Amino acid sequence: MKTILKLTALALTLSFTACKNDKKKDDNAKTAYAEADEKDVNTIIEYNNVMVGFTDKNNDYIKRIEDNIIKIEKGLQNPNDHFAFIGLIQPFSIPAINRSGLKPDTPPNALNKDDQKFFKENVTAMTGLLDKIKETYKSLDEYIKAEDWKDDKGTKGKALIDSIYSMGKKYYTHDDLVLAKLNLIGDDAERVILKTHPLKEYIFALKDDRSATAAFTKLMASNKNYKSIEAKAKAAYQALEDQHHKHEAMAAPDATKYPGKDGYFKNFNERLNDYLIAARKMMRDASTSGKLTDYNIEELVRHQDNMRSAYNNFVD
């Protein structure tokens, strides 16, 4: 089955306010932004959050479209079924709530010239492709409502679907690049702030867990022939589980000093445990069948999304 949506998300929503920090060089830094001043760091984090809201909103809309075209594609294969096109829900795009003055297509001066150019070009391309996807889906929707498939045996409808899939793949080529860049920049911006953050030990533990689960999901999505990656999957799973147990054993943050943080820390670990449960089950099943399915990977991604929400609750 064809699919539009990519299976992994990289970006983090960052919710810190800069505090005083020393300027010691960070050996874990990947970009020059680890040496940025606090004003620029806050602007970079603000732009990161705007971009995450932008990509999340677009992903949600594309998912709504994909749910419909999967049904339409099946319907065009058996148009005589009276229920073939029943249950289609009109997709809609919810405007992102942006309390910032920053806009996705206008990167701030806190970013260097090359990165400003990178984000502007990719956001422009993503917006253009999404507009074309919406326009093409509108034509497909009208084609189905008018039952024009009776005139051409579904030829135009199938062509419109293929066009949406093709544009979706192009959209996610840009989306992947943007999220990967945000991850690098956002991580280094966080490091500036976290140098003196009282909860940095917990935050980096949660970040490490999220990075490890993303890597595991990417490995599982790399080849549907599970046998070819089984050894790597088992090793990666064991490392992830060991890391989880290590972090889970950390004493929770002091609730008297940081109200609610103990509960959020526990909730994150519970969401990660849910991910591990799902991973164990699908690995066992795949070891028997020899295959991984799109549903398997989508399930891991859903658990990652739950972890992201738990992480954001902790750092807010």
C-alpha atoms as a PDB file:
ATOM      1  CA  MET A   1       0.000   0.000   0.000  1.00  0.00           C
ATOM      2  CA  LYS A   2       1.258   3.463  -0.887  1.00  0.00           C
ATOM      3  CA  THR A   3       1.584   5.970   1.898  1.00  0.00           C
ATOM      4  CA  ILE A   4       2.149   9.693   2.112  1.00  0.00           C
ATOM      5  CA  LEU A   5       3.115  10.166   5.726  1.00  0.00           C
ATOM      6  CA  LYS A   6       6.664   9.702   6.899  1.00  0.00           C
ATOM      7  CA  LEU A   7       6.993   7.439   9.890  1.00  0.00           C
ATOM      8  CA  THR A   8       9.263   9.339  12.261  1.00  0.00           C
ATOM      9  CA  ALA A   9       9.239  12.805  13.733  1.00  0.00           C
ATOM     10  CA  LEU A  10      12.405  14.501  14.926  1.00  0.00           C
ATOM     11  CA  ALA A  11      11.635  17.956  16.236  1.00  0.00           C
ATOM     12  CA  LEU A  12      11.193  18.856  19.872  1.00  0.00           C
ATOM     13  CA  THR A  13       9.064  21.628  21.266  1.00  0.00           C
ATOM     14  CA  LEU A  14      11.348  23.632  23.526  1.00  0.00           C
ATOM     15  CA  SER A  15       9.933  25.537  26.464  1.00  0.00           C
ATOM     16  CA  PHE A  16      12.781  27.058  28.433  1.00  0.00           C
ATOM     17  CA  THR A  17      13.629  30.612  29.342  1.00  0.00           C
ATOM     18  CA  ALA A  18      17.302  31.470  29.241  1.00  0.00           C
ATOM     19  CA  CYS A  19      19.134  31.851  32.513  1.00  0.00           C
ATOM     20  CA  LYS A  20      22.656  32.974  33.352  1.00  0.00           C
ATOM     21  CA  ASN A  21      25.277  30.531  32.150  1.00  0.00           C
ATOM     22  CA  ASP A  22      29.010  30.257  31.866  1.00  0.00           C
ATOM     23  CA  LYS A  23      30.637  30.244  28.464  1.00  0.00           C
ATOM     24  CA  LYS A  24      32.550  27.003  28.825  1.00  0.00           C
ATOM     25  CA  LYS A  25      32.863  25.211  25.530  1.00  0.00           C
ATOM     26  CA  ASP A  26      30.387  22.330  25.231  1.00  0.00           C
ATOM     27  CA  ASP A  27      32.122  19.273  23.774  1.00  0.00           C
ATOM     28  CA  ASN A  28      28.724  17.812  22.791  1.00  0.00           C
ATOM     29  CA  ALA A  29      27.792  20.821  20.664  1.00  0.00           C
ATOM     30  CA  LYS A  30      27.085  20.225  16.978  1.00  0.00           C
ATOM     31  CA  THR A  31      26.630  23.812  15.791  1.00  0.00           C
ATOM     32  CA  ALA A  32      27.923  27.292  16.565  1.00  0.00           C
ATOM     33  CA  TYR A  33      24.634  28.058  18.325  1.00  0.00           C
ATOM     34  CA  ALA A  34      25.939  26.375  21.482  1.00  0.00           C
ATOM     35  CA  GLU A  35      28.003  29.553  21.934  1.00  0.00           C
ATOM     36  CA  ALA A  36      25.136  31.966  21.185  1.00  0.00           C
ATOM     37  CA  ASP A  37      24.095  34.623  23.682  1.00  0.00           C
ATOM     38  CA  GLU A  38      20.921  34.231  25.706  1.00  0.00           C
ATOM     39  CA  LYS A  39      18.828  36.671  23.653  1.00  0.00           C
ATOM     40  CA  ASP A  40      19.582  34.817  20.421  1.00  0.00           C
ATOM     41  CA  VAL A  41      19.013  31.447  22.106  1.00  0.00           C
ATOM     42  CA  ASN A  42      15.523  32.471  23.226  1.00  0.00           C
ATOM     43  CA  THR A  43      14.724  33.677  19.704  1.00  0.00           C
ATOM     44  CA  ILE A  44      16.014  30.432  18.187  1.00  0.00           C
ATOM     45  CA  ILE A  45      13.902  28.365  20.581  1.00  0.00           C
ATOM     46  CA  GLU A  46      10.883  30.534  19.829  1.00  0.00           C
ATOM     47  CA  TYR A  47      11.364  29.975  16.095  1.00  0.00           C
ATOM     48  CA  ASN A  48      11.856  26.230  16.695  1.00  0.00           C
ATOM     49  CA  ASN A  49       8.462  26.099  18.417  1.00  0.00           C
ATOM     50  CA  VAL A  50       6.812  28.062  15.612  1.00  0.00           C
ATOM     51  CA  MET A  51       8.246  25.618  13.071  1.00  0.00           C
ATOM     52  CA  VAL A  52       7.126  22.575  15.062  1.00  0.00           C
ATOM     53  CA  GLY A  53       3.603  24.027  15.183  1.00  0.00           C
ATOM     54  CA  PHE A  54       3.769  24.611  11.414  1.00  0.00           C
ATOM     55  CA  THR A  55       4.861  21.063  10.602  1.00  0.00           C
ATOM     56  CA  ASP A  56       2.445  19.477  13.106  1.00  0.00           C
ATOM     57  CA  LYS A  57      -0.501  21.361  11.599  1.00  0.00           C
ATOM     58  CA  ASN A  58       0.468  20.326   8.074  1.00  0.00           C
ATOM     59  CA  ASN A  59       1.061  16.700   9.087  1.00  0.00           C
ATOM     60  CA  ASP A  60      -2.387  16.552  10.676  1.00  0.00           C
ATOM     61  CA  TYR A  61      -4.022  17.849   7.500  1.00  0.00           C
ATOM     62  CA  ILE A  62      -2.119  15.471   5.227  1.00  0.00           C
ATOM     63  CA  LYS A  63      -3.084  12.547   7.487  1.00  0.00           C
ATOM     64  CA  ARG A  64      -6.756  13.509   7.119  1.00  0.00           C
ATOM     65  CA  ILE A  65      -6.367  13.546   3.337  1.00  0.00           C
ATOM     66  CA  GLU A  66      -4.553  10.217   3.305  1.00  0.00           C
ATOM     67  CA  ASP A  67      -7.284   8.544   5.357  1.00  0.00           C
ATOM     68  CA  ASN A  68      -9.774   9.603   2.696  1.00  0.00           C
ATOM     69  CA  ILE A  69      -7.783   8.709  -0.401  1.00  0.00           C
ATOM     70  CA  ILE A  70      -7.095   5.223   0.960  1.00  0.00           C
ATOM     71  CA  LYS A  71     -10.878   4.713   1.064  1.00  0.00           C
ATOM     72  CA  ILE A  72     -11.352   6.356  -2.335  1.00  0.00           C
ATOM     73  CA  GLU A  73      -8.635   4.194  -3.890  1.00  0.00           C
ATOM     74  CA  LYS A  74     -10.364   1.048  -2.639  1.00  0.00           C
ATOM     75  CA  GLY A  75     -13.718   2.389  -3.802  1.00  0.00           C
ATOM     76  CA  LEU A  76     -12.475   2.999  -7.339  1.00  0.00           C
ATOM     77  CA  GLN A  77     -11.424  -0.643  -7.502  1.00  0.00           C
ATOM     78  CA  ASN A  78     -14.987  -1.715  -6.706  1.00  0.00           C
ATOM     79  CA  PRO A  79     -17.253   1.235  -7.606  1.00  0.00           C
ATOM     80  CA  ASN A  80     -20.412  -0.908  -7.752  1.00  0.00           C
ATOM     81  CA  ASP A  81     -20.260  -1.284  -3.986  1.00  0.00           C
ATOM     82  CA  HIS A  82     -22.950   1.116  -2.719  1.00  0.00           C
ATOM     83  CA  PHE A  83     -20.866   1.771   0.400  1.00  0.00           C
ATOM     84  CA  ALA A  84     -17.608   2.339  -1.493  1.00  0.00           C
ATOM     85  CA  PHE A  85     -17.397   6.062  -0.807  1.00  0.00           C
ATOM     86  CA  ILE A  86     -19.315   6.205   2.462  1.00  0.00           C
ATOM     87  CA  GLY A  87     -17.529   7.598   5.519  1.00  0.00           C
ATOM     88  CA  LEU A  88     -15.342  10.192   3.841  1.00  0.00           C
ATOM     89  CA  ILE A  89     -14.709  13.081   6.248  1.00  0.00           C
ATOM     90  CA  GLN A  90     -14.007  16.488   4.768  1.00  0.00           C
ATOM     91  CA  PRO A  91     -10.395  17.322   5.716  1.00  0.00           C
ATOM     92  CA  PHE A  92      -9.765  20.672   7.324  1.00  0.00           C
ATOM     93  CA  SER A  93      -6.694  22.522   8.429  1.00  0.00           C
ATOM     94  CA  ILE A  94      -6.725  23.912  11.976  1.00  0.00           C
ATOM     95  CA  PRO A  95      -4.833  27.209  12.178  1.00  0.00           C
ATOM     96  CA  ALA A  96      -1.799  26.915  14.437  1.00  0.00           C
ATOM     97  CA  ILE A  97      -2.000  29.032  17.568  1.00  0.00           C
ATOM     98  CA  ASN A  98       1.037  31.280  17.292  1.00  0.00           C
ATOM     99  CA  ARG A  99       1.563  33.719  20.142  1.00  0.00           C
ATOM    100  CA  SER A 100       4.944  34.608  18.700  1.00  0.00           C
ATOM    101  CA  GLY A 101       5.639  37.385  16.257  1.00  0.00           C
ATOM    102  CA  LEU A 102       7.828  34.971  14.291  1.00  0.00           C
ATOM    103  CA  LYS A 103       6.588  33.289  11.123  1.00  0.00           C
ATOM    104  CA  PRO A 104       7.820  30.031   9.543  1.00  0.00           C
ATOM    105  CA  ASP A 105       8.803  31.740   6.271  1.00  0.00           C
ATOM    106  CA  THR A 106      10.639  34.580   8.034  1.00  0.00           C
ATOM    107  CA  PRO A 107      13.545  33.065   9.991  1.00  0.00           C
ATOM    108  CA  PRO A 108      15.017  35.392  12.645  1.00  0.00           C
ATOM    109  CA  ASN A 109      18.385  37.114  12.442  1.00  0.00           C
ATOM    110  CA  ALA A 110      19.512  34.995  15.411  1.00  0.00           C
ATOM    111  CA  LEU A 111      20.125  32.297  12.790  1.00  0.00           C
ATOM    112  CA  ASN A 112      23.057  32.649  10.437  1.00  0.00           C
ATOM    113  CA  LYS A 113      22.489  33.632   6.805  1.00  0.00           C
ATOM    114  CA  ASP A 114      22.790  30.093   5.465  1.00  0.00           C
ATOM    115  CA  ASP A 115      20.238  28.745   7.932  1.00  0.00           C
ATOM    116  CA  GLN A 116      17.864  31.628   7.265  1.00  0.00           C
ATOM    117  CA  LYS A 117      18.067  30.820   3.542  1.00  0.00           C
ATOM    118  CA  PHE A 118      17.597  27.105   4.259  1.00  0.00           C
ATOM    119  CA  PHE A 119      14.411  27.560   6.275  1.00  0.00           C
ATOM    120  CA  LYS A 120      12.915  30.175   3.965  1.00  0.00           C
ATOM    121  CA  GLU A 121      13.439  28.021   0.871  1.00  0.00           C
ATOM    122  CA  ASN A 122      12.132  24.832   2.452  1.00  0.00           C
ATOM    123  CA  VAL A 123       9.091  26.467   4.078  1.00  0.00           C
ATOM    124  CA  THR A 124       8.220  28.110   0.748  1.00  0.00           C
ATOM    125  CA  ALA A 125       8.478  24.737  -1.005  1.00  0.00           C
ATOM    126  CA  MET A 126       6.399  22.970   1.686  1.00  0.00           C
ATOM    127  CA  THR A 127       3.683  25.627   1.564  1.00  0.00           C
ATOM    128  CA  GLY A 128       3.536  25.486  -2.233  1.00  0.00           C
ATOM    129  CA  LEU A 129       3.276  21.698  -2.265  1.00  0.00           C
ATOM    130  CA  LEU A 130       0.605  21.679   0.445  1.00  0.00           C
ATOM    131  CA  ASP A 131      -1.460  24.210  -1.531  1.00  0.00           C
ATOM    132  CA  LYS A 132      -1.216  21.962  -4.603  1.00  0.00           C
ATOM    133  CA  ILE A 133      -2.195  18.908  -2.518  1.00  0.00           C
ATOM    134  CA  LYS A 134      -5.276  20.757  -1.240  1.00  0.00           C
ATOM    135  CA  GLU A 135      -6.191  21.865  -4.763  1.00  0.00           C
ATOM    136  CA  THR A 136      -5.756  18.365  -6.189  1.00  0.00           C
ATOM    137  CA  TYR A 137      -7.754  16.789  -3.366  1.00  0.00           C
ATOM    138  CA  LYS A 138     -10.572  19.305  -4.033  1.00  0.00           C
ATOM    139  CA  SER A 139     -10.687  18.079  -7.645  1.00  0.00           C
ATOM    140  CA  LEU A 140     -10.734  14.466  -6.428  1.00  0.00           C
ATOM    141  CA  ASP A 141     -13.521  15.214  -3.953  1.00  0.00           C
ATOM    142  CA  GLU A 142     -15.643  16.835  -6.665  1.00  0.00           C
ATOM    143  CA  TYR A 143     -14.900  13.916  -9.012  1.00  0.00           C
ATOM    144  CA  ILE A 144     -16.226  11.433  -6.441  1.00  0.00           C
ATOM    145  CA  LYS A 145     -19.270  13.510  -5.460  1.00  0.00           C
ATOM    146  CA  ALA A 146     -20.277  13.941  -9.105  1.00  0.00           C
ATOM    147  CA  GLU A 147     -19.675  10.214  -9.694  1.00  0.00           C
ATOM    148  CA  ASP A 148     -17.555  11.101 -12.716  1.00  0.00           C
ATOM    149  CA  TRP A 149     -15.814   7.756 -12.257  1.00  0.00           C
ATOM    150  CA  LYS A 150     -18.814   6.279 -14.091  1.00  0.00           C
ATOM    151  CA  ASP A 151     -17.665   8.063 -17.262  1.00  0.00           C
ATOM    152  CA  ASP A 152     -14.000   7.028 -17.313  1.00  0.00           C
ATOM    153  CA  LYS A 153     -13.940   3.918 -15.103  1.00  0.00           C
ATOM    154  CA  GLY A 154     -11.964   5.739 -12.454  1.00  0.00           C
ATOM    155  CA  THR A 155      -9.044   6.777 -14.683  1.00  0.00           C
ATOM    156  CA  LYS A 156      -8.971  10.449 -13.665  1.00  0.00           C
ATOM    157  CA  GLY A 157      -9.557   9.622 -10.011  1.00  0.00           C
ATOM    158  CA  LYS A 158      -6.598   7.241  -9.922  1.00  0.00           C
ATOM    159  CA  ALA A 159      -4.409   9.846 -11.639  1.00  0.00           C
ATOM    160  CA  LEU A 160      -5.391  12.475  -9.050  1.00  0.00           C
ATOM    161  CA  ILE A 161      -4.570  10.046  -6.240  1.00  0.00           C
ATOM    162  CA  ASP A 162      -1.171   9.274  -7.767  1.00  0.00           C
ATOM    163  CA  SER A 163      -0.514  13.015  -8.026  1.00  0.00           C
ATOM    164  CA  ILE A 164      -1.334  13.543  -4.339  1.00  0.00           C
ATOM    165  CA  TYR A 165       0.957  10.677  -3.322  1.00  0.00           C
ATOM    166  CA  SER A 166       3.765  12.099  -5.472  1.00  0.00           C
ATOM    167  CA  MET A 167       3.414  15.610  -4.038  1.00  0.00           C
ATOM    168  CA  GLY A 168       3.187  14.192  -0.521  1.00  0.00           C
ATOM    169  CA  LYS A 169       6.526  12.430  -0.964  1.00  0.00           C
ATOM    170  CA  LYS A 170       8.102  15.668  -2.176  1.00  0.00           C
ATOM    171  CA  TYR A 171       6.588  17.549   0.754  1.00  0.00           C
ATOM    172  CA  TYR A 172       8.103  15.132   3.254  1.00  0.00           C
ATOM    173  CA  THR A 173      11.503  15.359   1.596  1.00  0.00           C
ATOM    174  CA  HIS A 174      11.541  19.011   2.656  1.00  0.00           C
ATOM    175  CA  ASP A 175       9.887  18.232   5.994  1.00  0.00           C
ATOM    176  CA  ASP A 176      12.586  15.689   6.885  1.00  0.00           C
ATOM    177  CA  LEU A 177      15.328  18.208   6.105  1.00  0.00           C
ATOM    178  CA  VAL A 178      13.648  20.909   8.197  1.00  0.00           C
ATOM    179  CA  LEU A 179      13.073  18.688  11.225  1.00  0.00           C
ATOM    180  CA  ALA A 180      16.625  17.341  11.128  1.00  0.00           C
ATOM    181  CA  LYS A 181      18.002  20.896  11.033  1.00  0.00           C
ATOM    182  CA  LEU A 182      15.691  21.971  13.875  1.00  0.00           C
ATOM    183  CA  ASN A 183      16.914  19.065  15.956  1.00  0.00           C
ATOM    184  CA  LEU A 184      20.559  20.116  15.621  1.00  0.00           C
ATOM    185  CA  ILE A 185      19.913  23.791  16.251  1.00  0.00           C
ATOM    186  CA  GLY A 186      17.354  23.210  18.993  1.00  0.00           C
ATOM    187  CA  ASP A 187      19.564  20.772  20.859  1.00  0.00           C
ATOM    188  CA  ASP A 188      22.468  23.202  20.963  1.00  0.00           C
ATOM    189  CA  ALA A 189      20.194  26.083  21.966  1.00  0.00           C
ATOM    190  CA  GLU A 190      18.943  23.940  24.834  1.00  0.00           C
ATOM    191  CA  ARG A 191      22.482  23.237  25.943  1.00  0.00           C
ATOM    192  CA  VAL A 192      23.137  26.943  26.450  1.00  0.00           C
ATOM    193  CA  ILE A 193      20.143  27.206  28.770  1.00  0.00           C
ATOM    194  CA  LEU A 194      20.631  23.905  30.553  1.00  0.00           C
ATOM    195  CA  LYS A 195      24.195  24.617  31.711  1.00  0.00           C
ATOM    196  CA  THR A 196      22.833  25.902  35.013  1.00  0.00           C
ATOM    197  CA  HIS A 197      19.307  24.428  34.949  1.00  0.00           C
ATOM    198  CA  PRO A 198      18.525  22.627  38.234  1.00  0.00           C
ATOM    199  CA  LEU A 199      16.690  19.822  36.420  1.00  0.00           C
ATOM    200  CA  LYS A 200      19.173  19.342  33.584  1.00  0.00           C
ATOM    201  CA  GLU A 201      20.027  15.787  34.747  1.00  0.00           C
ATOM    202  CA  TYR A 202      16.409  14.739  34.205  1.00  0.00           C
ATOM    203  CA  ILE A 203      15.941  16.692  30.992  1.00  0.00           C
ATOM    204  CA  PHE A 204      18.978  15.150  29.341  1.00  0.00           C
ATOM    205  CA  ALA A 205      17.855  11.683  30.497  1.00  0.00           C
ATOM    206  CA  LEU A 206      14.484  12.220  28.829  1.00  0.00           C
ATOM    207  CA  LYS A 207      16.143  13.636  25.722  1.00  0.00           C
ATOM    208  CA  ASP A 208      18.431  10.611  25.499  1.00  0.00           C
ATOM    209  CA  ASP A 209      15.426   8.297  25.795  1.00  0.00           C
ATOM    210  CA  ARG A 210      13.596  10.131  23.040  1.00  0.00           C
ATOM    211  CA  SER A 211      16.633  10.024  20.766  1.00  0.00           C
ATOM    212  CA  ALA A 212      17.049   6.291  21.381  1.00  0.00           C
ATOM    213  CA  THR A 213      13.394   5.517  20.637  1.00  0.00           C
ATOM    214  CA  ALA A 214      13.543   7.593  17.450  1.00  0.00           C
ATOM    215  CA  ALA A 215      16.623   5.660  16.338  1.00  0.00           C
ATOM    216  CA  PHE A 216      14.925   2.349  17.146  1.00  0.00           C
ATOM    217  CA  THR A 217      11.802   3.295  15.194  1.00  0.00           C
ATOM    218  CA  LYS A 218      13.960   4.361  12.250  1.00  0.00           C
ATOM    219  CA  LEU A 219      15.739   0.998  12.344  1.00  0.00           C
ATOM    220  CA  MET A 220      12.449  -0.903  12.417  1.00  0.00           C
ATOM    221  CA  ALA A 221      11.148   1.169   9.489  1.00  0.00           C
ATOM    222  CA  SER A 222      14.304   0.620   7.434  1.00  0.00           C
ATOM    223  CA  ASN A 223      13.377  -2.825   6.146  1.00  0.00           C
ATOM    224  CA  LYS A 224      10.061  -4.669   6.245  1.00  0.00           C
ATOM    225  CA  ASN A 225      12.013  -7.919   5.980  1.00  0.00           C
ATOM    226  CA  TYR A 226      12.497  -8.191   9.727  1.00  0.00           C
ATOM    227  CA  LYS A 227      14.917 -11.103   9.539  1.00  0.00           C
ATOM    228  CA  SER A 228      17.479  -8.877   7.831  1.00  0.00           C
ATOM    229  CA  ILE A 229      17.549  -6.450  10.785  1.00  0.00           C
ATOM    230  CA  GLU A 230      16.564  -8.801  13.621  1.00  0.00           C
ATOM    231  CA  ALA A 231      19.984  -8.952  15.260  1.00  0.00           C
ATOM    232  CA  LYS A 232      20.374  -5.163  15.190  1.00  0.00           C
ATOM    233  CA  ALA A 233      16.802  -4.698  16.434  1.00  0.00           C
ATOM    234  CA  LYS A 234      17.333  -6.996  19.415  1.00  0.00           C
ATOM    235  CA  ALA A 235      20.571  -5.250  20.367  1.00  0.00           C
ATOM    236  CA  ALA A 236      19.036  -1.793  20.000  1.00  0.00           C
ATOM    237  CA  TYR A 237      15.990  -2.824  21.989  1.00  0.00           C
ATOM    238  CA  GLN A 238      18.117  -4.199  24.818  1.00  0.00           C
ATOM    239  CA  ALA A 239      20.178  -1.007  24.971  1.00  0.00           C
ATOM    240  CA  LEU A 240      16.989   1.068  25.049  1.00  0.00           C
ATOM    241  CA  GLU A 241      15.448  -1.071  27.788  1.00  0.00           C
ATOM    242  CA  ASP A 242      18.644  -0.915  29.881  1.00  0.00           C
ATOM    243  CA  GLN A 243      18.757   2.867  29.498  1.00  0.00           C
ATOM    244  CA  HIS A 244      15.096   3.097  30.492  1.00  0.00           C
ATOM    245  CA  HIS A 245      15.667   1.081  33.670  1.00  0.00           C
ATOM    246  CA  LYS A 246      18.646   3.271  34.542  1.00  0.00           C
ATOM    247  CA  HIS A 247      16.676   6.492  34.139  1.00  0.00           C
ATOM    248  CA  GLU A 248      13.573   5.063  35.759  1.00  0.00           C
ATOM    249  CA  ALA A 249      15.655   4.319  38.864  1.00  0.00           C
ATOM    250  CA  MET A 250      16.583   7.985  39.270  1.00  0.00           C
ATOM    251  CA  ALA A 251      15.048   9.631  42.321  1.00  0.00           C
ATOM    252  CA  ALA A 252      12.156  11.779  41.123  1.00  0.00           C
ATOM    253  CA  PRO A 253      12.513  15.577  41.328  1.00  0.00           C
ATOM    254  CA  ASP A 254      11.721  17.047  44.715  1.00  0.00           C
ATOM    255  CA  ALA A 255       7.994  17.845  44.596  1.00  0.00           C
ATOM    256  CA  THR A 256       8.340  20.523  47.271  1.00  0.00           C
ATOM    257  CA  LYS A 257      10.812  22.454  45.124  1.00  0.00           C
ATOM    258  CA  TYR A 258       9.380  21.575  41.723  1.00  0.00           C
ATOM    259  CA  PRO A 259       5.630  20.913  42.074  1.00  0.00           C
ATOM    260  CA  GLY A 260       4.304  18.423  39.544  1.00  0.00           C
ATOM    261  CA  LYS A 261       7.683  17.527  38.068  1.00  0.00           C
ATOM    262  CA  ASP A 262       7.780  14.197  39.933  1.00  0.00           C
ATOM    263  CA  GLY A 263       4.489  13.186  38.330  1.00  0.00           C
ATOM    264  CA  TYR A 264       5.548  14.333  34.863  1.00  0.00           C
ATOM    265  CA  PHE A 265       8.817  12.428  35.207  1.00  0.00           C
ATOM    266  CA  LYS A 266       6.922   9.271  36.174  1.00  0.00           C
ATOM    267  CA  ASN A 267       4.454   9.782  33.326  1.00  0.00           C
ATOM    268  CA  PHE A 268       7.258  10.016  30.773  1.00  0.00           C
ATOM    269  CA  ASN A 269       8.755   6.753  32.010  1.00  0.00           C
ATOM    270  CA  GLU A 270       5.337   5.091  31.801  1.00  0.00           C
ATOM    271  CA  ARG A 271       4.891   6.277  28.214  1.00  0.00           C
ATOM    272  CA  LEU A 272       8.348   4.898  27.347  1.00  0.00           C
ATOM    273  CA  ASN A 273       7.411   1.594  28.962  1.00  0.00           C
ATOM    274  CA  ASP A 274       4.306   1.494  26.724  1.00  0.00           C
ATOM    275  CA  TYR A 275       6.633   1.946  23.742  1.00  0.00           C
ATOM    276  CA  LEU A 276       8.810  -0.956  24.922  1.00  0.00           C
ATOM    277  CA  ILE A 277       5.776  -3.209  25.386  1.00  0.00           C
ATOM    278  CA  ALA A 278       4.613  -2.491  21.833  1.00  0.00           C
ATOM    279  CA  ALA A 279       8.141  -3.037  20.484  1.00  0.00           C
ATOM    280  CA  ARG A 280       8.526  -6.410  22.217  1.00  0.00           C
ATOM    281  CA  LYS A 281       5.216  -7.646  20.861  1.00  0.00           C
ATOM    282  CA  MET A 282       5.884  -6.636  17.277  1.00  0.00           C
ATOM    283  CA  MET A 283       9.423  -8.048  17.379  1.00  0.00           C
ATOM    284  CA  ARG A 284       8.063 -11.399  18.587  1.00  0.00           C
ATOM    285  CA  ASP A 285       5.371 -11.432  15.907  1.00  0.00           C
ATOM    286  CA  ALA A 286       7.805 -10.327  13.201  1.00  0.00           C
ATOM    287  CA  SER A 287      10.279 -13.011  14.229  1.00  0.00           C
ATOM    288  CA  THR A 288       7.589 -15.570  13.360  1.00  0.00           C
ATOM    289  CA  SER A 289       6.167 -13.917  10.235  1.00  0.00           C
ATOM    290  CA  GLY A 290       9.460 -12.449   9.039  1.00  0.00           C
ATOM    291  CA  LYS A 291       7.763  -9.141   8.247  1.00  0.00           C
ATOM    292  CA  LEU A 292       7.048  -5.724   9.703  1.00  0.00           C
ATOM    293  CA  THR A 293       3.997  -3.748   8.596  1.00  0.00           C
ATOM    294  CA  ASP A 294       3.235  -0.050   8.206  1.00  0.00           C
ATOM    295  CA  TYR A 295       0.852  -0.451  11.131  1.00  0.00           C
ATOM    296  CA  ASN A 296       3.715  -1.713  13.313  1.00  0.00           C
ATOM    297  CA  ILE A 297       5.777   1.379  12.642  1.00  0.00           C
ATOM    298  CA  GLU A 298       2.808   3.724  12.987  1.00  0.00           C
ATOM    299  CA  GLU A 299       2.134   2.214  16.413  1.00  0.00           C
ATOM    300  CA  LEU A 300       5.679   3.009  17.523  1.00  0.00           C
ATOM    301  CA  VAL A 301       5.273   6.560  16.217  1.00  0.00           C
ATOM    302  CA  ARG A 302       2.050   6.971  18.206  1.00  0.00           C
ATOM    303  CA  HIS A 303       3.880   5.973  21.365  1.00  0.00           C
ATOM    304  CA  GLN A 304       6.674   8.412  20.486  1.00  0.00           C
ATOM    305  CA  ASP A 305       4.085  11.179  20.179  1.00  0.00           C
ATOM    306  CA  ASN A 306       2.834  10.316  23.670  1.00  0.00           C
ATOM    307  CA  MET A 307       6.417  10.534  24.912  1.00  0.00           C
ATOM    308  CA  ARG A 308       6.822  13.905  23.256  1.00  0.00           C
ATOM    309  CA  SER A 309       3.732  15.221  25.055  1.00  0.00           C
ATOM    310  CA  ALA A 310       5.045  13.863  28.371  1.00  0.00           C
ATOM    311  CA  TYR A 311       8.453  15.447  27.725  1.00  0.00           C
ATOM    312  CA  ASN A 312       6.908  18.817  26.926  1.00  0.00           C
ATOM    313  CA  ASN A 313       4.840  18.649  30.132  1.00  0.00           C
ATOM    314  CA  PHE A 314       8.038  18.096  32.100  1.00  0.00           C
ATOM    315  CA  VAL A 315      10.000  20.953  30.540  1.00  0.00           C
ATOM    316  CA  ASP A 316       7.143  23.489  30.511  1.00  0.00           C
END
